[in-house]
């Protein structure tokens, strides 16, 4: 039998992850779920996969056909890798029935698909979280008016289910604005998973970017032990209208982030409480370095996106998938991000200048390693983005890496200058 990796809805770093799996001798079985496929590179997935299954049903309905394909092709599934937040339960179910050990608690997998239910579960286990309320109808605003006031203003509104935090995201400064935003969002289609209706919203206290830094911290969990894999800060830029725009995802080694150990421990405790005993998690957290306060944003059982897998290779000399394949193949203890190879970042770029852009001008920049994504249709005429739906506006992600931090920063400055002067998108 051939050993096999099952990729569920592979939407992130497909070429890197598939070729890495193949280098360890794995066959690739890709499952395209009924979630939105507009951001999937279907032709690349089909080209690099040994098998592709297109789902239109729940995993319980799909499983017999998937099992038959595996049996017919004489495959032994060693690993199931989840590619997107909303396919968590689908991937965990397949892990239990195809890999089998260690078993994942599927009830917790379902809870994790709803941010409010996840927060309530964590709170019941004495984990401090951002206070939240779930809204299912417009009348709930009046019902929970006192609790909303207790949360404090401004208030964040975002979908409870089937989404990363950036989808359908808005901020309200008072009840009038809150009513308008909820009325506009509740019952509408999710912009990232268009077959899903946003029929449940979570309200939370707005954590201000001027006081709290946002970090992504990745772990590889093996037999209930959570191995730190990466630390990335989402660096933001404030526009003249006060809105913060996502600009960089910069990777750090542990020694470069003094005081982060309690944050790491906090996330490891959350993973233990959620019984994450196996697999990859991409976790996001707010951290006020001055006060020492930190809060979970979300914990996702999937590989990191937006080119971070490739970024980790440059920064650390390894990535989380390499570690899990080394463990499966050689029973090797995972490498940890304590030593830097290069200074590395993924920069988010915005197209203010060319509605008919066909390319990104990256000429003469020595630290550019990869154009990760390019969306020619993401042209915006107004530089003052009056929205926190940050992913709606990013026109390109570019990976930069250099052994010289000065050289890296110079190239970042040049890219921003080209963006501002209309010379970036050609």
Foldseek 3Di string as FASTA:
>chain_A
DFEAEEEEQAQFPVVVLLVLCVVLRHAYEYERELFDCPRPPVVVCVVSHPHYHYYPDALVVCVVVVVVVCVVVVYQYQYYFYHDFQCQLSRLVCCCVRNNPPHADSVLSVLQQFQVSLCVLCVVVVADAFDKDKDQDLCVCVVCVVVLVVLPPFKWKAARGDDDRLWLIDTDGDPVRVSVSCVVQAQAATPRGRVDHRRMMMIGHDDDCVQWWKWKWKWFAAQLDTATFWIWTQDWDADPVGDIAGWKTWTDFPVVDPPCVVVVVSVSVSCVSSVVRGAMKIWMKIARPVVGDMHTPHIGRHADHLCVQVQCCQFQVHGPSSQVSCCVNVVDHGDHRHDTNWTKMKTFAFAQADLQFDAFPLPPQPFWDDWRDAASNLYDNDPNPPGSSNVSRGGTITMGIDNDPVSRVVSSVVSVVCRVVVNTGD
